[in-house]
Amino acid sequence: MLDALEVVTTVVVGLMVGVEFSVAFIFNRILDALPEDAGQLGHAHGGRMLGTLMPYWYIGSVVLSAAWAVAGRHHHGAGLVVAAAVLLIVSVVMSLLLLVPINNRNRTWTPETRPADWAEQLHRWNRYHYVRVAVIVAAFTLLAAALV
């Protein structure tokens, strides 16, 4: 049973890292290259879509890694799993304090209703997101290392 939990946790966190990495380094660059209104509308749609899904994915990753840490507490690599769980908790706290407030505003913007500093707010979100991606990549790396 522990083996299955280890694999499921690693895959779930790994997929989350892949999505967030793609947002940071691929999708945002594509949206930013579109004409102003199209790019802003794309960011708003992405904020609605991923803003609905990601809370479950982040919390699920924390729960899975915590379950692995508890179930595997007497096994090799337990400290790595605990460290990964802590990093995932940090990513959730970062999300709630820094990224979600900006995303909640962004997801409602249209070309007619967006504030004058909308681009600066999106750039701020991106800076925070880069840090969050680094945190979850580190967590994923620790989980992968705990497997071996």
C-alpha atoms as a PDB file:
ATOM      1  CA  MET A   1       0.000   0.000   0.000  1.00  0.00           C
ATOM      2  CA  LEU A   2       2.841   2.405   0.804  1.00  0.00           C
ATOM      3  CA  ASP A   3       4.351   1.760  -2.625  1.00  0.00           C
ATOM      4  CA  ALA A   4       1.105   2.806  -4.321  1.00  0.00           C
ATOM      5  CA  LEU A   5       0.872   5.944  -2.161  1.00  0.00           C
ATOM      6  CA  GLU A   6       4.457   6.872  -3.050  1.00  0.00           C
ATOM      7  CA  VAL A   7       3.829   6.476  -6.774  1.00  0.00           C
ATOM      8  CA  VAL A   8       0.465   8.285  -6.767  1.00  0.00           C
ATOM      9  CA  THR A   9       1.876  11.186  -4.732  1.00  0.00           C
ATOM     10  CA  THR A  10       4.912  11.543  -6.960  1.00  0.00           C
ATOM     11  CA  VAL A  11       2.817  11.442 -10.136  1.00  0.00           C
ATOM     12  CA  VAL A  12       0.225  13.934  -8.820  1.00  0.00           C
ATOM     13  CA  VAL A  13       2.896  16.394  -7.679  1.00  0.00           C
ATOM     14  CA  GLY A  14       4.906  15.852 -10.867  1.00  0.00           C
ATOM     15  CA  LEU A  15       1.906  16.617 -13.063  1.00  0.00           C
ATOM     16  CA  MET A  16       1.166  19.731 -11.008  1.00  0.00           C
ATOM     17  CA  VAL A  17       4.763  20.875 -11.487  1.00  0.00           C
ATOM     18  CA  GLY A  18       4.435  20.290 -15.226  1.00  0.00           C
ATOM     19  CA  VAL A  19       1.254  22.358 -15.482  1.00  0.00           C
ATOM     20  CA  GLU A  20       2.643  25.210 -13.403  1.00  0.00           C
ATOM     21  CA  PHE A  21       5.961  25.162 -15.272  1.00  0.00           C
ATOM     22  CA  SER A  22       4.041  25.328 -18.560  1.00  0.00           C
ATOM     23  CA  VAL A  23       1.982  28.261 -17.309  1.00  0.00           C
ATOM     24  CA  ALA A  24       5.122  30.123 -16.243  1.00  0.00           C
ATOM     25  CA  PHE A  25       7.336  29.510 -19.239  1.00  0.00           C
ATOM     26  CA  ILE A  26       5.041  28.678 -22.167  1.00  0.00           C
ATOM     27  CA  PHE A  27       1.414  29.768 -21.870  1.00  0.00           C
ATOM     28  CA  ASN A  28       2.049  33.190 -20.331  1.00  0.00           C
ATOM     29  CA  ARG A  29       4.571  33.975 -23.064  1.00  0.00           C
ATOM     30  CA  ILE A  30       2.080  32.922 -25.732  1.00  0.00           C
ATOM     31  CA  LEU A  31      -0.654  35.071 -24.171  1.00  0.00           C
ATOM     32  CA  ASP A  32       1.707  38.016 -23.748  1.00  0.00           C
ATOM     33  CA  ALA A  33       2.546  37.864 -27.472  1.00  0.00           C
ATOM     34  CA  LEU A  34      -1.097  38.250 -28.479  1.00  0.00           C
ATOM     35  CA  PRO A  35      -2.580  41.671 -29.174  1.00  0.00           C
ATOM     36  CA  GLU A  36      -3.400  43.466 -25.899  1.00  0.00           C
ATOM     37  CA  ASP A  37      -7.102  42.633 -25.598  1.00  0.00           C
ATOM     38  CA  ALA A  38      -6.700  39.006 -26.704  1.00  0.00           C
ATOM     39  CA  GLY A  39      -3.798  38.424 -24.318  1.00  0.00           C
ATOM     40  CA  GLN A  40      -5.616  39.993 -21.384  1.00  0.00           C
ATOM     41  CA  LEU A  41      -8.775  37.986 -22.130  1.00  0.00           C
ATOM     42  CA  GLY A  42      -6.659  34.827 -22.348  1.00  0.00           C
ATOM     43  CA  HIS A  43      -5.092  35.544 -18.971  1.00  0.00           C
ATOM     44  CA  ALA A  44      -8.546  36.114 -17.465  1.00  0.00           C
ATOM     45  CA  HIS A  45      -9.882  32.856 -18.939  1.00  0.00           C
ATOM     46  CA  GLY A  46      -6.817  30.942 -17.729  1.00  0.00           C
ATOM     47  CA  GLY A  47      -7.268  32.480 -14.289  1.00  0.00           C
ATOM     48  CA  ARG A  48     -10.864  31.256 -14.170  1.00  0.00           C
ATOM     49  CA  MET A  49     -10.046  27.786 -15.484  1.00  0.00           C
ATOM     50  CA  LEU A  50      -6.932  27.017 -13.473  1.00  0.00           C
ATOM     51  CA  GLY A  51      -8.115  29.057 -10.498  1.00  0.00           C
ATOM     52  CA  THR A  52     -10.954  26.573 -10.132  1.00  0.00           C
ATOM     53  CA  LEU A  53      -8.814  23.436 -10.473  1.00  0.00           C
ATOM     54  CA  MET A  54      -5.525  24.257  -8.785  1.00  0.00           C
ATOM     55  CA  PRO A  55      -6.733  24.625  -5.168  1.00  0.00           C
ATOM     56  CA  TYR A  56      -7.809  20.979  -5.208  1.00  0.00           C
ATOM     57  CA  TRP A  57      -4.543  19.921  -6.811  1.00  0.00           C
ATOM     58  CA  TYR A  58      -2.402  21.832  -4.323  1.00  0.00           C
ATOM     59  CA  ILE A  59      -4.355  20.685  -1.260  1.00  0.00           C
ATOM     60  CA  GLY A  60      -4.478  17.128  -2.629  1.00  0.00           C
ATOM     61  CA  SER A  61      -0.704  17.172  -3.052  1.00  0.00           C
ATOM     62  CA  VAL A  62      -0.251  18.307   0.543  1.00  0.00           C
ATOM     63  CA  VAL A  63      -2.631  15.612   1.809  1.00  0.00           C
ATOM     64  CA  LEU A  64      -0.946  12.879  -0.234  1.00  0.00           C
ATOM     65  CA  SER A  65       2.554  13.898   0.837  1.00  0.00           C
ATOM     66  CA  ALA A  66       1.468  14.131   4.487  1.00  0.00           C
ATOM     67  CA  ALA A  67      -0.115  10.681   4.241  1.00  0.00           C
ATOM     68  CA  TRP A  68       3.117   9.344   2.740  1.00  0.00           C
ATOM     69  CA  ALA A  69       5.141  11.001   5.513  1.00  0.00           C
ATOM     70  CA  VAL A  70       2.967   9.395   8.193  1.00  0.00           C
ATOM     71  CA  ALA A  71       2.690   5.974   6.547  1.00  0.00           C
ATOM     72  CA  GLY A  72       6.395   5.854   5.712  1.00  0.00           C
ATOM     73  CA  ARG A  73       7.750   7.443   8.876  1.00  0.00           C
ATOM     74  CA  HIS A  74       9.884   4.377   9.650  1.00  0.00           C
ATOM     75  CA  HIS A  75      11.131   3.954   6.093  1.00  0.00           C
ATOM     76  CA  HIS A  76      14.145   5.314   4.245  1.00  0.00           C
ATOM     77  CA  GLY A  77      13.586   8.827   2.880  1.00  0.00           C
ATOM     78  CA  ALA A  78      10.941   9.848   5.425  1.00  0.00           C
ATOM     79  CA  GLY A  79      12.755  13.099   6.152  1.00  0.00           C
ATOM     80  CA  LEU A  80      12.741  13.984   2.458  1.00  0.00           C
ATOM     81  CA  VAL A  81       8.988  13.408   2.290  1.00  0.00           C
ATOM     82  CA  VAL A  82       8.411  15.599   5.358  1.00  0.00           C
ATOM     83  CA  ALA A  83      10.535  18.352   3.789  1.00  0.00           C
ATOM     84  CA  ALA A  84       8.551  18.025   0.532  1.00  0.00           C
ATOM     85  CA  ALA A  85       5.278  18.277   2.462  1.00  0.00           C
ATOM     86  CA  VAL A  86       6.519  21.418   4.193  1.00  0.00           C
ATOM     87  CA  LEU A  87       7.459  22.957   0.839  1.00  0.00           C
ATOM     88  CA  LEU A  88       4.037  22.104  -0.553  1.00  0.00           C
ATOM     89  CA  ILE A  89       2.450  23.803   2.457  1.00  0.00           C
ATOM     90  CA  VAL A  90       4.648  26.841   1.752  1.00  0.00           C
ATOM     91  CA  SER A  91       3.357  26.831  -1.843  1.00  0.00           C
ATOM     92  CA  VAL A  92      -0.255  26.809  -0.607  1.00  0.00           C
ATOM     93  CA  VAL A  93       0.422  29.690   1.814  1.00  0.00           C
ATOM     94  CA  MET A  94       2.173  31.641  -0.965  1.00  0.00           C
ATOM     95  CA  SER A  95      -0.787  31.006  -3.241  1.00  0.00           C
ATOM     96  CA  LEU A  96      -3.322  32.197  -0.699  1.00  0.00           C
ATOM     97  CA  LEU A  97      -1.409  35.294   0.357  1.00  0.00           C
ATOM     98  CA  LEU A  98       0.213  36.426  -2.889  1.00  0.00           C
ATOM     99  CA  LEU A  99      -1.206  34.831  -6.025  1.00  0.00           C
ATOM    100  CA  VAL A 100      -4.910  34.201  -5.369  1.00  0.00           C
ATOM    101  CA  PRO A 101      -5.765  37.852  -4.613  1.00  0.00           C
ATOM    102  CA  ILE A 102      -4.295  38.936  -7.958  1.00  0.00           C
ATOM    103  CA  ASN A 103      -5.891  36.027  -9.806  1.00  0.00           C
ATOM    104  CA  ASN A 104      -9.297  36.759  -8.273  1.00  0.00           C
ATOM    105  CA  ARG A 105      -9.123  40.270  -9.711  1.00  0.00           C
ATOM    106  CA  ASN A 106      -7.681  39.166 -13.061  1.00  0.00           C
ATOM    107  CA  ARG A 107     -10.316  36.544 -13.720  1.00  0.00           C
ATOM    108  CA  THR A 108     -13.064  39.203 -13.794  1.00  0.00           C
ATOM    109  CA  TRP A 109     -11.318  41.713 -16.059  1.00  0.00           C
ATOM    110  CA  THR A 110     -12.465  42.548 -19.547  1.00  0.00           C
ATOM    111  CA  PRO A 111     -10.941  45.149 -21.856  1.00  0.00           C
ATOM    112  CA  GLU A 112     -13.648  47.541 -20.637  1.00  0.00           C
ATOM    113  CA  THR A 113     -13.276  46.874 -16.895  1.00  0.00           C
ATOM    114  CA  ARG A 114      -9.579  46.183 -16.387  1.00  0.00           C
ATOM    115  CA  PRO A 115      -7.658  48.671 -14.253  1.00  0.00           C
ATOM    116  CA  ALA A 116      -4.971  50.909 -15.709  1.00  0.00           C
ATOM    117  CA  ASP A 117      -2.244  48.856 -13.977  1.00  0.00           C
ATOM    118  CA  TRP A 118      -3.551  45.459 -15.120  1.00  0.00           C
ATOM    119  CA  ALA A 119      -0.299  44.547 -16.909  1.00  0.00           C
ATOM    120  CA  GLU A 120       1.785  45.401 -13.819  1.00  0.00           C
ATOM    121  CA  GLN A 121      -0.499  43.234 -11.676  1.00  0.00           C
ATOM    122  CA  LEU A 122      -0.046  40.309 -14.079  1.00  0.00           C
ATOM    123  CA  HIS A 123       3.730  40.809 -14.043  1.00  0.00           C
ATOM    124  CA  ARG A 124       3.659  40.765 -10.227  1.00  0.00           C
ATOM    125  CA  TRP A 125       1.628  37.539 -10.332  1.00  0.00           C
ATOM    126  CA  ASN A 126       4.216  36.060 -12.708  1.00  0.00           C
ATOM    127  CA  ARG A 127       7.106  36.960 -10.383  1.00  0.00           C
ATOM    128  CA  TYR A 128       5.363  35.279  -7.448  1.00  0.00           C
ATOM    129  CA  HIS A 129       4.491  32.325  -9.669  1.00  0.00           C
ATOM    130  CA  TYR A 130       8.156  31.806 -10.635  1.00  0.00           C
ATOM    131  CA  VAL A 131       9.022  31.502  -6.941  1.00  0.00           C
ATOM    132  CA  ARG A 132       6.106  29.118  -6.362  1.00  0.00           C
ATOM    133  CA  VAL A 133       7.246  26.978  -9.290  1.00  0.00           C
ATOM    134  CA  ALA A 134      10.734  26.770  -7.767  1.00  0.00           C
ATOM    135  CA  VAL A 135       9.203  25.690  -4.444  1.00  0.00           C
ATOM    136  CA  ILE A 136       7.079  22.930  -5.974  1.00  0.00           C
ATOM    137  CA  VAL A 137       9.949  21.757  -8.194  1.00  0.00           C
ATOM    138  CA  ALA A 138      12.041  21.400  -5.025  1.00  0.00           C
ATOM    139  CA  ALA A 139       9.190  19.469  -3.364  1.00  0.00           C
ATOM    140  CA  PHE A 140       8.875  17.163  -6.360  1.00  0.00           C
ATOM    141  CA  THR A 141      12.633  16.608  -6.403  1.00  0.00           C
ATOM    142  CA  LEU A 142      12.569  15.620  -2.733  1.00  0.00           C
ATOM    143  CA  LEU A 143       9.692  13.188  -3.332  1.00  0.00           C
ATOM    144  CA  ALA A 144      11.525  11.628  -6.266  1.00  0.00           C
ATOM    145  CA  ALA A 145      14.692  11.343  -4.186  1.00  0.00           C
ATOM    146  CA  ALA A 146      12.727   9.657  -1.393  1.00  0.00           C
ATOM    147  CA  LEU A 147      11.745   6.899  -3.837  1.00  0.00           C
ATOM    148  CA  VAL A 148      15.338   5.779  -4.328  1.00  0.00           C
END
